Amino acid sequence: MSIDYSEKVIKHFFNPQNMGKMEDPDGVGTAGNIACGDEMTICIKVKGAAGDDRENDVVEDVRFETLGCAAAIATSSMVTELAKGKTIKEAKQISLKDVAGELGGLPPIKMHCSNMAADALHKAIEDYLQKSK
């Protein structure tokens, strides 16, 4: 079975952005899919804004480590690109449709990968918010 990927998916698979470990992350989130065996971890570094409202803090750096298919790696790469420089409030709103859309679409059988990428990011944000209380 052959899967047709967009040019952007192929680009992010062969040249992933923000891949690798992060020293002392402020938040860590992991998501996986038992059915396909993919797993991704997203780490974030956050710069605090003035005041107690963590929603205005800015995602300064984002890194990922992914074990999975081309779509899993491409969606991990894309979600880090989408989140970097955003406020916590903005990053929390990144959805699977945003990730897939920025990649020029994903085959229906691979849409779960964009779900995992968004889920891992949201878990990293929640981890940060819990730690910063």
Protein backbone atom coordinates (compact mmCIF):
# COMPACT_ATOMS: atom_id res chain seq x y z
CA MET A 1 0.00 0.00 0.00
CA SER A 2 1.39 3.35 -1.02
CA ILE A 3 0.55 6.58 0.84
CA ASP A 4 0.61 9.91 -0.95
CA TYR A 5 2.12 12.64 1.20
CA SER A 6 2.21 16.35 0.42
CA GLU A 7 5.50 18.00 -0.47
CA LYS A 8 5.52 19.70 2.98
CA VAL A 9 5.10 16.38 4.81
CA ILE A 10 8.04 14.95 2.89
CA LYS A 11 10.11 18.10 3.58
CA HIS A 12 9.45 17.93 7.34
CA PHE A 13 10.14 14.18 7.38
CA PHE A 14 13.52 14.47 5.67
CA ASN A 15 14.45 17.78 7.33
CA PRO A 16 12.62 17.92 10.67
CA GLN A 17 12.76 21.16 12.62
CA ASN A 18 13.39 21.32 16.38
CA MET A 19 14.20 17.63 16.77
CA GLY A 20 16.19 16.41 19.75
CA LYS A 21 16.50 16.54 23.50
CA MET A 22 15.99 19.66 25.57
CA GLU A 23 17.92 20.36 28.75
CA ASP A 24 15.74 21.30 31.73
CA PRO A 25 12.41 21.74 29.94
CA ASP A 26 9.66 23.74 31.61
CA GLY A 27 7.02 21.32 30.36
CA VAL A 28 6.97 17.82 28.89
CA GLY A 29 4.14 16.01 27.12
CA THR A 30 4.01 12.55 25.60
CA ALA A 31 1.36 11.06 23.33
CA GLY A 32 1.20 7.76 21.52
CA ASN A 33 -0.96 5.43 19.53
CA ILE A 34 -0.90 1.78 20.57
CA ALA A 35 -2.43 0.65 17.27
CA CYS A 36 0.40 1.98 15.10
CA GLY A 37 3.21 2.11 17.66
CA ASP A 38 4.00 5.81 17.19
CA GLU A 39 5.09 7.83 20.21
CA MET A 40 6.14 11.46 20.50
CA THR A 41 7.41 13.65 23.28
CA ILE A 42 7.27 17.44 23.11
CA CYS A 43 9.34 19.63 25.47
CA ILE A 44 8.88 23.37 25.91
CA LYS A 45 10.89 26.25 27.37
CA VAL A 46 8.75 29.16 28.42
CA LYS A 47 9.57 32.80 29.10
CA GLY A 48 7.36 34.23 31.81
CA ALA A 49 5.48 37.45 31.23
CA ALA A 50 5.01 40.05 33.95
CA GLY A 51 2.33 39.13 36.48
CA ASP A 52 0.73 35.91 37.57
CA ASP A 53 -1.19 35.12 34.37
CA ARG A 54 0.68 32.17 32.84
CA GLU A 55 -1.55 32.38 29.72
CA ASN A 56 0.61 35.29 28.50
CA ASP A 57 3.92 33.48 28.95
CA VAL A 58 5.69 32.81 25.65
CA VAL A 59 6.86 29.47 24.28
CA GLU A 60 10.51 30.31 23.61
CA ASP A 61 11.73 26.91 22.47
CA VAL A 62 10.10 23.62 21.53
CA ARG A 63 11.78 20.28 20.87
CA PHE A 64 10.49 16.86 19.97
CA GLU A 65 11.55 13.25 19.99
CA THR A 66 9.40 10.91 17.94
CA LEU A 67 9.45 7.23 17.21
CA GLY A 68 7.16 6.64 14.28
CA CYS A 69 6.30 6.96 10.63
CA ALA A 70 6.91 9.83 8.23
CA ALA A 71 3.62 11.50 9.20
CA ALA A 72 4.42 11.27 12.93
CA ILE A 73 7.81 12.92 12.43
CA ALA A 74 6.42 15.58 10.07
CA THR A 75 3.55 16.48 12.41
CA SER A 76 5.93 16.67 15.37
CA SER A 77 8.16 19.02 13.41
CA MET A 78 5.21 21.15 12.28
CA VAL A 79 3.63 21.48 15.72
CA THR A 80 6.93 22.78 17.11
CA GLU A 81 7.08 25.36 14.34
CA LEU A 82 3.50 26.44 15.04
CA ALA A 83 4.03 26.74 18.81
CA LYS A 84 7.35 28.57 18.88
CA GLY A 85 6.93 32.25 19.77
CA LYS A 86 3.26 31.87 20.69
CA THR A 87 1.77 32.69 24.07
CA ILE A 88 0.59 29.77 26.17
CA LYS A 89 -2.99 30.77 25.37
CA GLU A 90 -2.30 30.73 21.62
CA ALA A 91 -0.32 27.47 21.74
CA LYS A 92 -3.12 25.72 23.65
CA GLN A 93 -5.42 26.44 20.71
CA ILE A 94 -3.26 24.66 18.10
CA SER A 95 -5.41 21.83 16.80
CA LEU A 96 -4.97 18.71 14.72
CA LYS A 97 -6.58 20.60 11.82
CA ASP A 98 -3.97 23.37 12.17
CA VAL A 99 -1.12 20.85 12.07
CA ALA A 100 -2.50 18.87 9.13
CA GLY A 101 -3.49 22.04 7.27
CA GLU A 102 -0.03 23.57 7.56
CA LEU A 103 1.41 20.36 6.12
CA GLY A 104 -0.86 20.55 3.09
CA GLY A 105 -3.10 17.79 4.42
CA LEU A 106 -2.59 14.22 5.52
CA PRO A 107 -4.10 11.02 4.19
CA PRO A 108 -7.13 10.04 6.33
CA ILE A 109 -5.28 6.97 7.61
CA LYS A 110 -2.57 9.28 9.03
CA MET A 111 -4.73 12.02 10.62
CA HIS A 112 -4.19 10.43 14.03
CA CYS A 113 -0.58 11.64 13.80
CA SER A 114 -1.64 15.28 13.83
CA ASN A 115 -3.84 14.44 16.83
CA MET A 116 -0.84 13.01 18.66
CA ALA A 117 1.31 16.05 17.90
CA ALA A 118 -1.32 18.49 19.16
CA ASP A 119 -2.01 16.25 22.20
CA ALA A 120 1.68 16.06 23.14
CA LEU A 121 1.99 19.86 22.87
CA HIS A 122 -1.11 20.38 25.02
CA LYS A 123 0.24 17.94 27.62
CA ALA A 124 3.56 19.82 27.71
CA ILE A 125 1.67 23.07 28.27
CA GLU A 126 -0.44 21.53 31.04
CA ASP A 127 2.74 20.17 32.65
CA TYR A 128 4.23 23.68 32.57
CA LEU A 129 1.09 25.24 34.02
CA GLN A 130 0.98 22.67 36.83
CA LYS A 131 4.66 23.22 37.70
CA SER A 132 4.31 27.02 37.67
CA LYS A 133 1.41 27.21 40.15
